[in-house]
Each structure stands twice: as structure tokens, then as C-alpha cells.
Amino acid sequence: MIAFVWAQSQNGIIGNHGGLPWKMPADMHHFKTTTTGHLILAGRATFESFGRPLPNRTNMVLTHHAPSKFPAGVVVFNDVAAFLADYKQRNEDVYVVGGAKVFQALMDYVDCLYRTVIDTEIDGDTQMPPIDYSQFELLATSSFDADEKNQYPYTFETYRKLK
């Protein structure tokens, strides 16, 4: 299974200047819970925004940069075909965690969506590529109000691709 995991504002923003344009600890916890123990795939800029390989996950990067730019243990792919060949060999679930170019490149291969909708419009420079939700079934949704730690209301959604 290839899954996308991301948060977006109502207007589709997923990033601003290489980071998230909101402070939402509940979403960070949801991301950690969803991806821990699994393979994650990020683009170079998204990976660099983490500041280090994320613990308890196999960190993979899809980039045109040389593998030597990344810490030991990070698996680097220079194109989608190389990633897909490795994915098929591993026979493990992969969680794609951004950015927009990586989501777009793997749009035809995604089986599951883990989307957090931040219930506000946000300014940013990176938008989630369009997804044809008619190709997916909504399996679960949970909505929460803003609180002292999470500045906006938010909803966790899980979708599975229709066969």
C-alpha cells in the first residue's frame, strides 16, 4: 500500500517557506502515530524540514540530489521508477509525507489517504495537488475544536482507493 499523509488548510495550503504554516500538536501526534514503524517517503525539502531522519521509521527521499547529501541510513531515490521498483521488492506499506511534487509524482499509485483538514484558510506557498476523491471511499472522520494547544478546528480523514 502507498498512502499519502498530510495536513492542509481549507484552501489547500500544505506549506509555507519550507514549513507548516500552523501550530497543531494534535496533527503532529496523528502523523507520528500513523507513520511510526513504517517506511516514509519525502522529497528533499520536506526531509530537510524535519531537521533529522525521523526516528522509528525507515526514511526514504525522492530527489535529484546526490545520495551523499543525506545522513547514513536514509534511502535515496533519484526517480519514481527506482522508488517503485524498491517498493515492489520490499512488499511493505509506504507513507508518502510530502511535498507537493512527490504527491503529484505518485498520484497514480496512491491506495490510501490520511488527510488532516485545518478548518481555516491560510496563506502559503505550497498547495496540495488536486485529488479525484470520487476514486476513494471515506472510511473514517473525526473532528475536533480548537483548544489551548491547537489554534484551529481540525478533522482527521481516512480514505481508501476504490477497486
Protein backbone atom coordinates (compact mmCIF):
# COMPACT_ATOMS: atom_id res chain seq x y z
CA MET A 1 0.00 0.00 0.00
CA ILE A 2 1.14 3.51 -0.81
CA ALA A 3 -0.50 6.09 1.46
CA PHE A 4 -0.37 9.87 1.48
CA VAL A 5 -0.21 11.56 4.89
CA TRP A 6 -0.63 15.35 5.04
CA ALA A 7 -2.42 18.32 6.58
CA GLN A 8 -4.00 21.06 4.52
CA SER A 9 -5.98 24.20 5.14
CA GLN A 10 -9.46 24.68 3.65
CA ASN A 11 -7.85 26.41 0.67
CA GLY A 12 -5.44 23.52 0.06
CA ILE A 13 -2.27 25.03 1.52
CA ILE A 14 0.21 22.44 2.84
CA GLY A 15 3.29 24.59 3.41
CA ASN A 16 4.90 27.98 3.57
CA HIS A 17 8.63 28.76 3.22
CA GLY A 18 9.62 25.13 3.79
CA GLY A 19 7.50 24.53 6.89
CA LEU A 20 3.97 24.17 8.12
CA PRO A 21 2.00 27.43 8.35
CA TRP A 22 0.25 26.45 11.59
CA LYS A 23 1.00 25.02 15.03
CA MET A 24 -1.12 21.91 15.53
CA PRO A 25 0.33 19.44 18.06
CA ALA A 26 -2.65 17.10 17.61
CA ASP A 27 -1.82 16.76 13.93
CA MET A 28 1.86 16.14 14.74
CA HIS A 29 0.78 13.37 17.14
CA HIS A 30 -1.55 11.91 14.49
CA PHE A 31 1.30 11.99 11.93
CA LYS A 32 3.68 10.28 14.36
CA THR A 33 1.14 7.61 15.30
CA THR A 34 0.29 6.92 11.66
CA THR A 35 3.86 6.69 10.36
CA THR A 36 5.91 5.23 13.24
CA GLY A 37 7.22 1.76 12.45
CA HIS A 38 6.74 2.24 8.71
CA LEU A 39 8.59 3.36 5.61
CA ILE A 40 8.17 7.07 4.88
CA LEU A 41 8.97 8.82 1.61
CA ALA A 42 9.64 12.55 1.42
CA GLY A 43 11.02 14.97 -1.09
CA ARG A 44 14.34 16.65 -0.28
CA ALA A 45 12.85 19.90 1.05
CA THR A 46 10.31 18.07 3.22
CA PHE A 47 13.03 15.77 4.58
CA GLU A 48 15.27 18.76 5.35
CA SER A 49 12.38 20.46 7.19
CA PHE A 50 12.43 17.58 9.70
CA GLY A 51 15.97 18.53 10.71
CA ARG A 52 16.98 14.86 11.01
CA PRO A 53 15.74 11.42 9.99
CA LEU A 54 12.50 10.71 11.82
CA PRO A 55 13.01 8.05 14.49
CA ASN A 56 11.46 4.59 14.37
CA ARG A 57 10.81 4.87 10.64
CA THR A 58 12.74 3.95 7.53
CA ASN A 59 13.38 7.38 5.99
CA MET A 60 13.39 7.50 2.20
CA VAL A 61 13.91 10.57 0.00
CA LEU A 62 12.94 11.13 -3.63
CA THR A 63 15.34 13.74 -5.03
CA HIS A 64 17.66 14.68 -7.86
CA HIS A 65 20.45 15.43 -5.35
CA ALA A 66 23.32 13.04 -4.70
CA PRO A 67 22.76 10.38 -2.01
CA SER A 68 25.87 11.62 -0.17
CA LYS A 69 23.94 14.75 0.87
CA PHE A 70 21.82 12.68 3.28
CA PRO A 71 22.61 11.06 6.63
CA ALA A 72 23.65 7.41 6.74
CA GLY A 73 20.67 5.08 6.69
CA VAL A 74 18.45 7.34 4.57
CA VAL A 75 17.41 5.54 1.38
CA VAL A 76 17.64 7.88 -1.61
CA PHE A 77 15.88 7.50 -4.96
CA ASN A 78 16.63 9.72 -7.94
CA ASP A 79 13.40 8.94 -9.80
CA VAL A 80 9.93 7.49 -9.34
CA ALA A 81 10.77 4.31 -11.27
CA ALA A 82 13.60 3.48 -8.85
CA PHE A 83 11.30 4.08 -5.87
CA LEU A 84 8.53 1.90 -7.34
CA ALA A 85 10.96 -0.93 -8.08
CA ASP A 86 12.22 -0.82 -4.48
CA TYR A 87 8.65 -0.59 -3.14
CA LYS A 88 7.60 -3.72 -5.06
CA GLN A 89 10.64 -5.62 -3.77
CA ARG A 90 10.06 -4.64 -0.15
CA ASN A 91 6.36 -5.52 -0.12
CA GLU A 92 5.81 -3.08 2.78
CA ASP A 93 3.47 -0.14 3.22
CA VAL A 94 4.96 3.26 2.37
CA TYR A 95 3.68 6.55 3.77
CA VAL A 96 4.35 9.49 1.46
CA VAL A 97 4.70 12.62 3.59
CA GLY A 98 5.31 15.36 1.01
CA GLY A 99 5.97 17.68 -0.54
CA ALA A 100 3.65 18.64 -3.34
CA LYS A 101 5.95 17.40 -6.14
CA VAL A 102 6.26 13.96 -4.54
CA PHE A 103 2.50 13.73 -4.01
CA GLN A 104 1.96 14.71 -7.67
CA ALA A 105 4.54 12.20 -8.92
CA LEU A 106 2.87 9.32 -7.05
CA MET A 107 -0.77 10.34 -7.55
CA ASP A 108 -1.43 7.38 -9.88
CA TYR A 109 -0.11 4.89 -7.32
CA VAL A 110 -1.73 6.00 -4.06
CA ASP A 111 -4.03 3.50 -2.31
CA CYS A 112 -4.89 5.30 0.92
CA LEU A 113 -5.18 8.91 2.08
CA TYR A 114 -4.65 10.21 5.62
CA ARG A 115 -5.69 13.85 5.42
CA THR A 116 -5.94 16.39 8.20
CA VAL A 117 -8.11 19.35 7.25
CA ILE A 118 -7.24 22.51 9.18
CA ASP A 119 -10.54 24.40 9.38
CA THR A 120 -9.33 27.80 8.21
CA GLU A 121 -7.87 29.48 5.15
CA ILE A 122 -4.13 30.05 5.41
CA ASP A 123 -1.61 31.92 3.30
CA GLY A 124 1.20 29.77 1.99
CA ASP A 125 3.36 29.00 -0.99
CA THR A 126 2.73 25.28 -1.38
CA GLN A 127 -0.61 23.72 -2.27
CA MET A 128 -1.71 20.09 -2.29
CA PRO A 129 -2.10 18.81 -5.85
CA PRO A 130 -5.74 18.07 -6.77
CA ILE A 131 -7.02 14.62 -5.83
CA ASP A 132 -10.01 12.98 -7.51
CA TYR A 133 -11.90 11.99 -4.36
CA SER A 134 -14.52 10.16 -6.48
CA GLN A 135 -11.83 7.44 -6.76
CA PHE A 136 -11.76 6.99 -2.96
CA GLU A 137 -14.11 5.87 -0.20
CA LEU A 138 -14.15 7.83 3.08
CA LEU A 139 -13.53 5.24 5.82
CA ALA A 140 -13.24 7.41 8.92
CA THR A 141 -13.56 11.00 10.02
CA SER A 142 -13.01 12.65 13.41
CA SER A 143 -13.48 16.37 14.03
CA PHE A 144 -12.09 18.44 16.90
CA ASP A 145 -12.44 22.01 18.13
CA ALA A 146 -9.55 24.41 18.57
CA ASP A 147 -8.06 24.40 22.07
CA GLU A 148 -5.19 25.93 24.02
CA LYS A 149 -2.64 23.85 22.06
CA ASN A 150 -4.26 23.64 18.60
CA GLN A 151 -5.08 27.04 17.17
CA TYR A 152 -7.73 25.90 14.64
CA PRO A 153 -10.51 23.31 14.48
CA TYR A 154 -9.40 20.25 12.50
CA THR A 155 -10.63 16.97 11.06
CA PHE A 156 -8.76 13.70 10.52
CA GLU A 157 -9.97 11.78 7.45
CA THR A 158 -9.00 8.35 6.13
CA TYR A 159 -9.78 7.26 2.57
CA ARG A 160 -9.21 4.04 0.64
CA LYS A 161 -8.99 3.84 -3.14
CA LEU A 162 -11.97 2.15 -4.78
CA LYS A 163 -11.12 -1.02 -6.66
